[in-house]
C-alpha cells in the first residue's frame, strides 16, 4: 500500500502557490464573479414536482429505487 502513495500523489493537481488563492473572497466579490442574480420566482427553485403525484407516491418511488439499487449492488 505504501508503494501506491507516490503514484496517487502524481495524479493530484498541483497545490496553488499564489497567496491570493488562499485568501477568501468577499460575498460581494463572489456575487460579481459568478454573475448571481436575486431569485424573483421562488417556485422556480422547487423544480418540477408533478401536480398529480402525492407525497406517498414520491416516498414509494424513492424506496423502490433504493431497493433496486441495493439489489444491484449485492449482485456485484
PDB file of N, CA and C in Angstrom:
ATOM      1  N   UNK A   1       0.818  -1.190   0.000  1.00  0.00           N
ATOM      2  CA  UNK A   1       0.000   0.000   0.000  1.00  0.00           C
ATOM      3  C   UNK A   1       0.865   1.258   0.000  1.00  0.00           C
ATOM      4  N   UNK A   2       1.977   1.234   0.700  1.00  0.00           N
ATOM      5  CA  UNK A   2       2.862   2.397   0.742  1.00  0.00           C
ATOM      6  C   UNK A   2       3.425   2.702  -0.637  1.00  0.00           C
ATOM      7  N   UNK A   3       3.535   1.686  -1.481  1.00  0.00           N
ATOM      8  CA  UNK A   3       4.055   1.900  -2.824  1.00  0.00           C
ATOM      9  C   UNK A   3       3.048   2.643  -3.702  1.00  0.00           C
ATOM     10  N   UNK A   4       1.773   2.527  -3.408  1.00  0.00           N
ATOM     11  CA  UNK A   4       0.747   3.187  -4.212  1.00  0.00           C
ATOM     12  C   UNK A   4       0.701   4.682  -3.950  1.00  0.00           C
ATOM     13  N   UNK A   5       1.148   5.118  -2.787  1.00  0.00           N
ATOM     14  CA  UNK A   5       1.051   6.528  -2.425  1.00  0.00           C
ATOM     15  C   UNK A   5       1.762   7.449  -3.415  1.00  0.00           C
ATOM     16  N   UNK A   6       3.021   7.197  -3.795  1.00  0.00           N
ATOM     17  CA  UNK A   6       3.666   8.090  -4.774  1.00  0.00           C
ATOM     18  C   UNK A   6       2.901   8.151  -6.101  1.00  0.00           C
ATOM     19  N   UNK A   7       2.334   7.028  -6.524  1.00  0.00           N
ATOM     20  CA  UNK A   7       1.568   7.021  -7.769  1.00  0.00           C
ATOM     21  C   UNK A   7       0.319   7.893  -7.638  1.00  0.00           C
ATOM     22  N   UNK A   8      -0.356   7.806  -6.510  1.00  0.00           N
ATOM     23  CA  UNK A   8      -1.541   8.632  -6.281  1.00  0.00           C
ATOM     24  C   UNK A   8      -1.171  10.104  -6.187  1.00  0.00           C
ATOM     25  N   UNK A   9      -0.046  10.399  -5.569  1.00  0.00           N
ATOM     26  CA  UNK A   9       0.385  11.790  -5.436  1.00  0.00           C
ATOM     27  C   UNK A   9       0.677  12.411  -6.796  1.00  0.00           C
ATOM     28  N   UNK A  10       1.177  11.625  -7.732  1.00  0.00           N
ATOM     29  CA  UNK A  10       1.453  12.149  -9.075  1.00  0.00           C
ATOM     30  C   UNK A  10       0.159  12.550  -9.782  1.00  0.00           C
ATOM     31  N   UNK A  11      -0.944  11.889  -9.449  1.00  0.00           N
ATOM     32  CA  UNK A  11      -2.220  12.177 -10.098  1.00  0.00           C
ATOM     33  C   UNK A  11      -2.917  13.395  -9.514  1.00  0.00           C
ATOM     34  N   UNK A  12      -2.481  13.857  -8.357  1.00  0.00           N
ATOM     35  CA  UNK A  12      -3.114  15.015  -7.723  1.00  0.00           C
ATOM     36  C   UNK A  12      -2.746  16.294  -8.460  1.00  0.00           C
ATOM     37  N   UNK A  13      -3.664  17.259  -8.505  1.00  0.00           N
ATOM     38  CA  UNK A  13      -3.318  18.548  -9.114  1.00  0.00           C
ATOM     39  C   UNK A  13      -2.291  19.276  -8.257  1.00  0.00           C
ATOM     40  N   UNK A  14      -1.537  20.149  -8.877  1.00  0.00           N
ATOM     41  CA  UNK A  14      -0.529  20.921  -8.149  1.00  0.00           C
ATOM     42  C   UNK A  14      -1.212  21.836  -7.138  1.00  0.00           C
ATOM     43  N   UNK A  15      -0.554  22.038  -6.009  1.00  0.00           N
ATOM     44  CA  UNK A  15      -1.083  22.934  -4.981  1.00  0.00           C
ATOM     45  C   UNK A  15      -0.806  24.369  -5.407  1.00  0.00           C
ATOM     46  N   UNK A  16      -1.838  25.210  -5.453  1.00  0.00           N
ATOM     47  CA  UNK A  16      -1.620  26.609  -5.843  1.00  0.00           C
ATOM     48  C   UNK A  16      -0.655  27.299  -4.880  1.00  0.00           C
ATOM     49  N   UNK A  17       0.314  27.990  -5.437  1.00  0.00           N
ATOM     50  CA  UNK A  17       1.296  28.674  -4.595  1.00  0.00           C
ATOM     51  C   UNK A  17       0.980  30.153  -4.434  1.00  0.00           C
ATOM     52  N   UNK A  18       0.070  30.661  -5.227  1.00  0.00           N
ATOM     53  CA  UNK A  18      -0.284  32.069  -5.136  1.00  0.00           C
ATOM     54  C   UNK A  18      -1.042  32.329  -3.837  1.00  0.00           C
ATOM     55  N   UNK A  19      -0.618  33.349  -3.108  1.00  0.00           N
ATOM     56  CA  UNK A  19      -1.268  33.685  -1.838  1.00  0.00           C
ATOM     57  C   UNK A  19      -2.718  34.092  -2.050  1.00  0.00           C
ATOM     58  N   UNK A  20      -3.034  34.661  -3.201  1.00  0.00           N
ATOM     59  CA  UNK A  20      -4.411  35.098  -3.448  1.00  0.00           C
ATOM     60  C   UNK A  20      -5.380  33.912  -3.492  1.00  0.00           C
ATOM     61  N   UNK A  21      -4.879  32.732  -3.850  1.00  0.00           N
ATOM     62  CA  UNK A  21      -5.736  31.548  -3.876  1.00  0.00           C
ATOM     63  C   UNK A  21      -6.257  31.223  -2.486  1.00  0.00           C
ATOM     64  N   UNK A  22      -5.429  31.418  -1.484  1.00  0.00           N
ATOM     65  CA  UNK A  22      -5.767  31.020  -0.123  1.00  0.00           C
ATOM     66  C   UNK A  22      -6.568  32.077   0.631  1.00  0.00           C
ATOM     67  N   UNK A  23      -6.668  33.269   0.089  1.00  0.00           N
ATOM     68  CA  UNK A  23      -7.484  34.309   0.730  1.00  0.00           C
ATOM     69  C   UNK A  23      -8.926  34.145   0.279  1.00  0.00           C
ATOM     70  N   UNK A  24      -9.831  34.228   1.218  1.00  0.00           N
ATOM     71  CA  UNK A  24     -11.244  34.118   0.877  1.00  0.00           C
ATOM     72  C   UNK A  24     -11.746  35.384   0.209  1.00  0.00           C
ATOM     73  N   UNK A  25     -12.616  35.211  -0.757  1.00  0.00           N
ATOM     74  CA  UNK A  25     -13.222  36.362  -1.428  1.00  0.00           C
ATOM     75  C   UNK A  25     -14.424  36.832  -0.619  1.00  0.00           C
ATOM     76  N   UNK A  26     -14.709  38.101  -0.701  1.00  0.00           N
ATOM     77  CA  UNK A  26     -15.888  38.630  -0.015  1.00  0.00           C
ATOM     78  C   UNK A  26     -17.144  38.138  -0.735  1.00  0.00           C
ATOM     79  N   UNK A  27     -18.257  38.198  -0.048  1.00  0.00           N
ATOM     80  CA  UNK A  27     -19.518  37.780  -0.646  1.00  0.00           C
ATOM     81  C   UNK A  27     -19.819  38.608  -1.896  1.00  0.00           C
ATOM     82  N   UNK A  28     -19.576  39.902  -1.817  1.00  0.00           N
ATOM     83  CA  UNK A  28     -19.833  40.776  -2.965  1.00  0.00           C
ATOM     84  C   UNK A  28     -18.955  40.387  -4.153  1.00  0.00           C
ATOM     85  N   UNK A  29     -17.685  40.066  -3.893  1.00  0.00           N
ATOM     86  CA  UNK A  29     -16.787  39.663  -4.977  1.00  0.00           C
ATOM     87  C   UNK A  29     -17.270  38.368  -5.622  1.00  0.00           C
ATOM     88  N   UNK A  30     -17.714  37.409  -4.816  1.00  0.00           N
ATOM     89  CA  UNK A  30     -18.227  36.153  -5.368  1.00  0.00           C
ATOM     90  C   UNK A  30     -19.478  36.384  -6.211  1.00  0.00           C
ATOM     91  N   UNK A  31     -20.358  37.252  -5.726  1.00  0.00           N
ATOM     92  CA  UNK A  31     -21.581  37.574  -6.472  1.00  0.00           C
ATOM     93  C   UNK A  31     -21.228  38.144  -7.839  1.00  0.00           C
ATOM     94  N   UNK A  32     -20.271  39.047  -7.870  1.00  0.00           N
ATOM     95  CA  UNK A  32     -19.868  39.667  -9.134  1.00  0.00           C
ATOM     96  C   UNK A  32     -19.181  38.665 -10.058  1.00  0.00           C
ATOM     97  N   UNK A  33     -18.308  37.817  -9.503  1.00  0.00           N
ATOM     98  CA  UNK A  33     -17.589  36.833 -10.316  1.00  0.00           C
ATOM     99  C   UNK A  33     -18.538  35.811 -10.931  1.00  0.00           C
ATOM    100  N   UNK A  34     -19.556  35.412 -10.163  1.00  0.00           N
ATOM    101  CA  UNK A  34     -20.451  34.349 -10.605  1.00  0.00           C
ATOM    102  C   UNK A  34     -21.724  34.867 -11.263  1.00  0.00           C
ATOM    103  N   UNK A  35     -21.840  36.185 -11.368  1.00  0.00           N
ATOM    104  CA  UNK A  35     -22.990  36.812 -12.012  1.00  0.00           C
ATOM    105  C   UNK A  35     -24.315  36.323 -11.411  1.00  0.00           C
ATOM    106  N   UNK A  36     -24.375  36.295 -10.090  1.00  0.00           N
ATOM    107  CA  UNK A  36     -25.564  35.837  -9.369  1.00  0.00           C
ATOM    108  C   UNK A  36     -26.614  36.935  -9.354  1.00  0.00           C
ATOM    109  N   UNK A  37     -27.849  36.536  -9.542  1.00  0.00           N
ATOM    110  CA  UNK A  37     -28.971  37.475  -9.519  1.00  0.00           C
ATOM    111  C   UNK A  37     -29.978  37.028  -8.463  1.00  0.00           C
ATOM    112  N   UNK A  38     -30.745  37.962  -7.912  1.00  0.00           N
ATOM    113  CA  UNK A  38     -31.767  37.582  -6.924  1.00  0.00           C
ATOM    114  C   UNK A  38     -32.828  36.672  -7.550  1.00  0.00           C
ATOM    115  N   UNK A  39     -33.409  35.844  -6.719  1.00  0.00           N
ATOM    116  CA  UNK A  39     -34.488  34.970  -7.167  1.00  0.00           C
ATOM    117  C   UNK A  39     -35.781  35.767  -7.137  1.00  0.00           C
ATOM    118  N   UNK A  40     -36.430  35.878  -8.272  1.00  0.00           N
ATOM    119  CA  UNK A  40     -37.699  36.602  -8.358  1.00  0.00           C
ATOM    120  C   UNK A  40     -38.903  35.681  -8.233  1.00  0.00           C
ATOM    121  N   UNK A  41     -38.706  34.403  -8.571  1.00  0.00           N
ATOM    122  CA  UNK A  41     -39.799  33.435  -8.536  1.00  0.00           C
ATOM    123  C   UNK A  41     -39.367  32.239  -7.703  1.00  0.00           C
ATOM    124  N   UNK A  42     -39.797  32.209  -6.442  1.00  0.00           N
ATOM    125  CA  UNK A  42     -39.407  31.113  -5.553  1.00  0.00           C
ATOM    126  C   UNK A  42     -39.845  29.761  -6.109  1.00  0.00           C
ATOM    127  N   UNK A  43     -40.946  29.724  -6.790  1.00  0.00           N
ATOM    128  CA  UNK A  43     -41.444  28.479  -7.369  1.00  0.00           C
ATOM    129  C   UNK A  43     -40.464  27.847  -8.340  1.00  0.00           C
ATOM    130  N   UNK A  44     -39.633  28.657  -8.967  1.00  0.00           N
ATOM    131  CA  UNK A  44     -38.643  28.133  -9.908  1.00  0.00           C
ATOM    132  C   UNK A  44     -37.611  27.260  -9.203  1.00  0.00           C
ATOM    133  N   UNK A  45     -37.411  27.474  -7.912  1.00  0.00           N
ATOM    134  CA  UNK A  45     -36.448  26.682  -7.151  1.00  0.00           C
ATOM    135  C   UNK A  45     -37.000  25.316  -6.759  1.00  0.00           C
ATOM    136  N   UNK A  46     -38.293  25.160  -6.829  1.00  0.00           N
ATOM    137  CA  UNK A  46     -38.924  23.924  -6.386  1.00  0.00           C
ATOM    138  C   UNK A  46     -38.797  22.793  -7.388  1.00  0.00           C
ATOM    139  N   UNK A  47     -38.458  23.100  -8.600  1.00  0.00           N
ATOM    140  CA  UNK A  47     -38.298  22.060  -9.595  1.00  0.00           C
ATOM    141  C   UNK A  47     -39.626  21.646 -10.188  1.00  0.00           C
ATOM    142  N   UNK A  48     -39.648  20.469 -10.772  1.00  0.00           N
ATOM    143  CA  UNK A  48     -40.834  20.028 -11.479  1.00  0.00           C
ATOM    144  C   UNK A  48     -41.610  18.955 -10.752  1.00  0.00           C
ATOM    145  N   UNK A  49     -42.085  19.239  -9.556  1.00  0.00           N
ATOM    146  CA  UNK A  49     -42.902  18.256  -8.853  1.00  0.00           C
ATOM    147  C   UNK A  49     -44.242  18.138  -9.569  1.00  0.00           C
ATOM    148  N   UNK A  50     -44.579  16.965 -10.066  1.00  0.00           N
ATOM    149  CA  UNK A  50     -45.846  16.812 -10.794  1.00  0.00           C
ATOM    150  C   UNK A  50     -47.052  17.063  -9.886  1.00  0.00           C
ATOM    151  N   UNK A  51     -48.027  17.777 -10.397  1.00  0.00           N
ATOM    152  CA  UNK A  51     -49.227  18.086  -9.618  1.00  0.00           C
ATOM    153  C   UNK A  51     -50.010  16.836  -9.247  1.00  0.00           C
ATOM    154  N   UNK A  52     -49.938  15.815 -10.097  1.00  0.00           N
ATOM    155  CA  UNK A  52     -50.732  14.613  -9.845  1.00  0.00           C
ATOM    156  C   UNK A  52     -49.990  13.565  -9.010  1.00  0.00           C
ATOM    157  N   UNK A  53     -48.804  13.873  -8.510  1.00  0.00           N
ATOM    158  CA  UNK A  53     -48.044  12.921  -7.699  1.00  0.00           C
ATOM    159  C   UNK A  53     -48.130  13.310  -6.230  1.00  0.00           C
ATOM    160  N   UNK A  54     -48.640  12.398  -5.424  1.00  0.00           N
ATOM    161  CA  UNK A  54     -48.762  12.669  -3.990  1.00  0.00           C
ATOM    162  C   UNK A  54     -47.421  12.429  -3.299  1.00  0.00           C
ATOM    163  N   UNK A  55     -47.329  12.889  -2.080  1.00  0.00           N
ATOM    164  CA  UNK A  55     -46.120  12.654  -1.286  1.00  0.00           C
ATOM    165  C   UNK A  55     -45.931  11.156  -1.078  1.00  0.00           C
ATOM    166  N   UNK A  56     -47.013  10.442  -0.862  1.00  0.00           N
ATOM    167  CA  UNK A  56     -46.926   8.991  -0.680  1.00  0.00           C
ATOM    168  C   UNK A  56     -46.367   8.307  -1.923  1.00  0.00           C
ATOM    169  N   UNK A  57     -46.790   8.765  -3.099  1.00  0.00           N
ATOM    170  CA  UNK A  57     -46.248   8.212  -4.344  1.00  0.00           C
ATOM    171  C   UNK A  57     -44.748   8.477  -4.444  1.00  0.00           C
ATOM    172  N   UNK A  58     -44.354   9.674  -4.068  1.00  0.00           N
ATOM    173  CA  UNK A  58     -42.938  10.042  -4.115  1.00  0.00           C
ATOM    174  C   UNK A  58     -42.120   9.150  -3.180  1.00  0.00           C
ATOM    175  N   UNK A  59     -42.585   8.989  -1.947  1.00  0.00           N
ATOM    176  CA  UNK A  59     -41.870   8.157  -0.969  1.00  0.00           C
ATOM    177  C   UNK A  59     -41.787   6.719  -1.466  1.00  0.00           C
ATOM    178  N   UNK A  60     -42.876   6.215  -2.025  1.00  0.00           N
ATOM    179  CA  UNK A  60     -42.881   4.857  -2.572  1.00  0.00           C
ATOM    180  C   UNK A  60     -41.829   4.714  -3.678  1.00  0.00           C
ATOM    181  N   UNK A  61     -41.764   5.684  -4.561  1.00  0.00           N
ATOM    182  CA  UNK A  61     -40.803   5.652  -5.664  1.00  0.00           C
ATOM    183  C   UNK A  61     -39.367   5.688  -5.151  1.00  0.00           C
ATOM    184  N   UNK A  62     -39.099   6.529  -4.157  1.00  0.00           N
ATOM    185  CA  UNK A  62     -37.753   6.617  -3.586  1.00  0.00           C
ATOM    186  C   UNK A  62     -37.368   5.284  -2.951  1.00  0.00           C
ATOM    187  N   UNK A  63     -38.256   4.713  -2.165  1.00  0.00           N
ATOM    188  CA  UNK A  63     -37.962   3.427  -1.506  1.00  0.00           C
ATOM    189  C   UNK A  63     -37.751   2.316  -2.529  1.00  0.00           C
ATOM    190  N   UNK A  64     -38.589   2.289  -3.543  1.00  0.00           N
ATOM    191  CA  UNK A  64     -38.454   1.279  -4.586  1.00  0.00           C
ATOM    192  C   UNK A  64     -37.114   1.418  -5.305  1.00  0.00           C
ATOM    193  N   UNK A  65     -36.730   2.647  -5.598  1.00  0.00           N
ATOM    194  CA  UNK A  65     -35.458   2.911  -6.263  1.00  0.00           C
ATOM    195  C   UNK A  65     -34.282   2.453  -5.404  1.00  0.00           C
ATOM    196  N   UNK A  66     -34.364   2.714  -4.113  1.00  0.00           N
ATOM    197  CA  UNK A  66     -33.291   2.287  -3.200  1.00  0.00           C
ATOM    198  C   UNK A  66     -33.185   0.772  -3.149  1.00  0.00           C
ATOM    199  N   UNK A  67     -34.324   0.090  -3.107  1.00  0.00           N
ATOM    200  CA  UNK A  67     -34.309  -1.370  -3.068  1.00  0.00           C
ATOM    201  C   UNK A  67     -33.692  -1.940  -4.339  1.00  0.00           C
ATOM    202  N   UNK A  68     -34.039  -1.375  -5.484  1.00  0.00           N
ATOM    203  CA  UNK A  68     -33.458  -1.833  -6.744  1.00  0.00           C
ATOM    204  C   UNK A  68     -31.951  -1.617  -6.761  1.00  0.00           C
ATOM    205  N   UNK A  69     -31.513  -0.467  -6.251  1.00  0.00           N
ATOM    206  CA  UNK A  69     -30.080  -0.175  -6.202  1.00  0.00           C
ATOM    207  C   UNK A  69     -29.364  -1.176  -5.300  1.00  0.00           C
ATOM    208  N   UNK A  70     -29.932  -1.428  -4.117  1.00  0.00           N
ATOM    209  CA  UNK A  70     -29.308  -2.376  -3.191  1.00  0.00           C
ATOM    210  C   UNK A  70     -29.231  -3.769  -3.798  1.00  0.00           C
ATOM    211  N   UNK A  71     -30.255  -4.172  -4.530  1.00  0.00           N
ATOM    212  CA  UNK A  71     -30.238  -5.480  -5.180  1.00  0.00           C
ATOM    213  C   UNK A  71     -29.129  -5.549  -6.228  1.00  0.00           C
ATOM    214  N   UNK A  72     -28.930  -4.474  -6.973  1.00  0.00           N
ATOM    215  CA  UNK A  72     -27.864  -4.438  -7.979  1.00  0.00           C
ATOM    216  C   UNK A  72     -26.491  -4.504  -7.328  1.00  0.00           C
ATOM    217  N   UNK A  73     -26.310  -3.789  -6.224  1.00  0.00           N
ATOM    218  CA  UNK A  73     -25.020  -3.767  -5.536  1.00  0.00           C
ATOM    219  C   UNK A  73     -24.701  -5.139  -4.962  1.00  0.00           C
ATOM    220  N   UNK A  74     -25.710  -5.814  -4.418  1.00  0.00           N
ATOM    221  CA  UNK A  74     -25.490  -7.144  -3.845  1.00  0.00           C
ATOM    222  C   UNK A  74     -25.113  -8.160  -4.911  1.00  0.00           C
ATOM    223  N   UNK A  75     -25.594  -7.971  -6.140  1.00  0.00           N
ATOM    224  CA  UNK A  75     -25.294  -8.900  -7.230  1.00  0.00           C
ATOM    225  C   UNK A  75     -23.867  -8.759  -7.741  1.00  0.00           C
ATOM    226  N   UNK A  76     -23.227  -7.653  -7.462  1.00  0.00           N
ATOM    227  CA  UNK A  76     -21.870  -7.416  -7.991  1.00  0.00           C
ATOM    228  C   UNK A  76     -20.833  -8.219  -7.279  1.00  0.00           C
TER     229      UNK A  76
END
